[in-house]
Amino acid sequence: MLVEKLEMILRYYKKSTHALRYWMLRQLPACRQMAPIMSDSLERKLSFRERVRLRFHLWVCIWCAWYLEHLQLMNESRRKRAAQISPPETSPPVVAAGDALSADACERLKRAVMRAEER
């Protein structure tokens, strides 16, 4: 008797949760509208309204939740790779004794590298 009541309550809970999610999915912005907000969330702090809309959308849309997880993974991987490729700017240049470049020469080299990277 108790088991049957618990099963009935669980069924009702699942149906009502499903109905609520379905209703919210129709009320919230489409995935196409949320994708740029998800990308922006990695680069800047979202406004309160954007955060709330995003949280609700992710609660009802599993595909966008997966998309955001993949965006976060790619962003983290990109940052780790960038840290491996370029050493921190604070490290002193490695030069042999007496072979150091002048400050003017270092500045010219930096500008040349920046111009090359822009192309």
Protein backbone atom coordinates (compact mmCIF):
# COMPACT_ATOMS: atom_id res chain seq x y z
CA MET A 1 0.00 0.00 0.00
CA LEU A 2 2.75 2.47 0.97
CA VAL A 3 4.86 1.44 -2.02
CA GLU A 4 1.95 2.08 -4.39
CA LYS A 5 1.42 5.55 -2.95
CA LEU A 6 5.11 6.36 -3.28
CA GLU A 7 5.13 5.14 -6.88
CA MET A 8 2.08 7.26 -7.64
CA ILE A 9 3.70 10.33 -6.08
CA LEU A 10 6.90 9.71 -8.04
CA ARG A 11 4.97 9.37 -11.31
CA TYR A 12 3.09 12.60 -10.59
CA TYR A 13 6.36 14.37 -9.77
CA LYS A 14 8.01 13.20 -13.01
CA LYS A 15 5.02 14.24 -15.11
CA SER A 16 4.76 17.65 -13.48
CA THR A 17 8.51 18.25 -13.82
CA HIS A 18 8.35 17.28 -17.49
CA ALA A 19 5.35 19.55 -18.06
CA LEU A 20 7.10 22.47 -16.33
CA ARG A 21 10.25 22.03 -18.39
CA TYR A 22 8.26 21.79 -21.61
CA TRP A 23 6.33 24.95 -20.76
CA MET A 24 9.54 26.80 -19.88
CA LEU A 25 11.19 25.66 -23.10
CA ARG A 26 8.37 27.31 -25.06
CA GLN A 27 8.58 30.51 -23.00
CA LEU A 28 12.36 30.96 -22.99
CA PRO A 29 14.46 32.22 -25.92
CA ALA A 30 15.47 29.72 -28.58
CA CYS A 31 18.84 27.97 -28.56
CA ARG A 32 20.03 30.18 -31.44
CA GLN A 33 19.48 33.23 -29.26
CA MET A 34 21.23 31.67 -26.27
CA ALA A 35 24.36 30.44 -28.10
CA PRO A 36 25.96 33.91 -28.34
CA ILE A 37 25.19 34.52 -24.66
CA MET A 38 26.91 31.25 -23.77
CA SER A 39 29.99 32.32 -25.72
CA ASP A 40 29.91 35.75 -24.08
CA SER A 41 29.74 34.15 -20.64
CA LEU A 42 33.28 32.86 -21.16
CA GLU A 43 34.62 36.32 -21.97
CA ARG A 44 32.71 38.71 -19.74
CA LYS A 45 30.44 38.83 -16.73
CA LEU A 46 26.83 38.50 -17.81
CA SER A 47 24.14 40.83 -16.57
CA PHE A 48 21.73 39.49 -13.96
CA ARG A 49 18.98 39.08 -16.55
CA GLU A 50 21.28 37.20 -18.95
CA ARG A 51 22.48 34.90 -16.16
CA VAL A 52 18.93 34.06 -15.10
CA ARG A 53 17.76 33.42 -18.66
CA LEU A 54 20.81 31.26 -19.31
CA ARG A 55 20.37 29.22 -16.12
CA PHE A 56 16.71 28.53 -16.87
CA HIS A 57 17.49 27.65 -20.47
CA LEU A 58 20.25 25.26 -19.42
CA TRP A 59 17.86 23.67 -16.93
CA VAL A 60 15.42 22.73 -19.71
CA CYS A 61 17.74 22.25 -22.70
CA ILE A 62 20.27 19.44 -22.40
CA TRP A 63 21.78 20.21 -25.83
CA CYS A 64 22.74 23.73 -24.77
CA ALA A 65 24.14 22.38 -21.50
CA TRP A 66 26.37 20.04 -23.50
CA TYR A 67 27.30 22.88 -25.87
CA LEU A 68 28.34 25.09 -22.96
CA GLU A 69 30.40 22.27 -21.44
CA HIS A 70 32.22 21.83 -24.77
CA LEU A 71 32.80 25.58 -25.05
CA GLN A 72 34.30 25.62 -21.56
CA LEU A 73 36.48 22.60 -22.36
CA MET A 74 37.77 24.19 -25.58
CA ASN A 75 38.42 27.50 -23.82
CA GLU A 76 40.35 25.77 -21.03
CA SER A 77 42.36 23.71 -23.53
CA ARG A 78 43.17 26.82 -25.56
CA ARG A 79 44.41 28.64 -22.45
CA LYS A 80 46.56 25.71 -21.35
CA ARG A 81 48.05 25.39 -24.82
CA ALA A 82 48.77 29.11 -25.00
CA ALA A 83 50.53 28.92 -21.63
CA GLN A 84 52.69 26.04 -22.92
CA ILE A 85 53.62 27.78 -26.15
CA SER A 86 54.52 31.23 -24.85
CA PRO A 87 56.47 31.64 -21.64
CA PRO A 88 55.38 34.39 -19.25
CA GLU A 89 56.47 37.92 -20.16
CA THR A 90 58.15 38.39 -16.77
CA SER A 91 60.89 35.84 -17.43
CA PRO A 92 64.23 37.43 -18.33
CA PRO A 93 65.58 36.71 -21.82
CA VAL A 94 68.18 33.99 -22.01
CA VAL A 95 71.40 35.41 -23.44
CA ALA A 96 75.05 34.62 -23.14
CA ALA A 97 77.21 36.96 -21.11
CA GLY A 98 78.00 40.10 -23.09
CA ASP A 99 75.51 39.27 -25.89
CA ALA A 100 72.49 41.18 -24.52
CA LEU A 101 70.50 43.36 -26.94
CA SER A 102 69.99 47.02 -26.30
CA ALA A 103 66.58 48.15 -25.11
CA ASP A 104 66.01 49.86 -28.46
CA ALA A 105 66.77 46.65 -30.38
CA CYS A 106 64.43 44.66 -28.14
CA GLU A 107 61.63 47.15 -28.79
CA ARG A 108 62.15 46.96 -32.57
CA LEU A 109 62.01 43.16 -32.43
CA LYS A 110 58.79 43.23 -30.41
CA ARG A 111 57.14 45.57 -32.92
CA ALA A 112 58.25 43.39 -35.84
CA VAL A 113 56.80 40.28 -34.18
CA MET A 114 53.51 42.06 -33.44
CA ARG A 115 53.22 43.20 -37.09
CA ALA A 116 53.93 39.66 -38.30
CA GLU A 117 51.27 38.21 -35.99
CA GLU A 118 48.67 40.69 -37.25
CA ARG A 119 49.08 39.45 -40.84
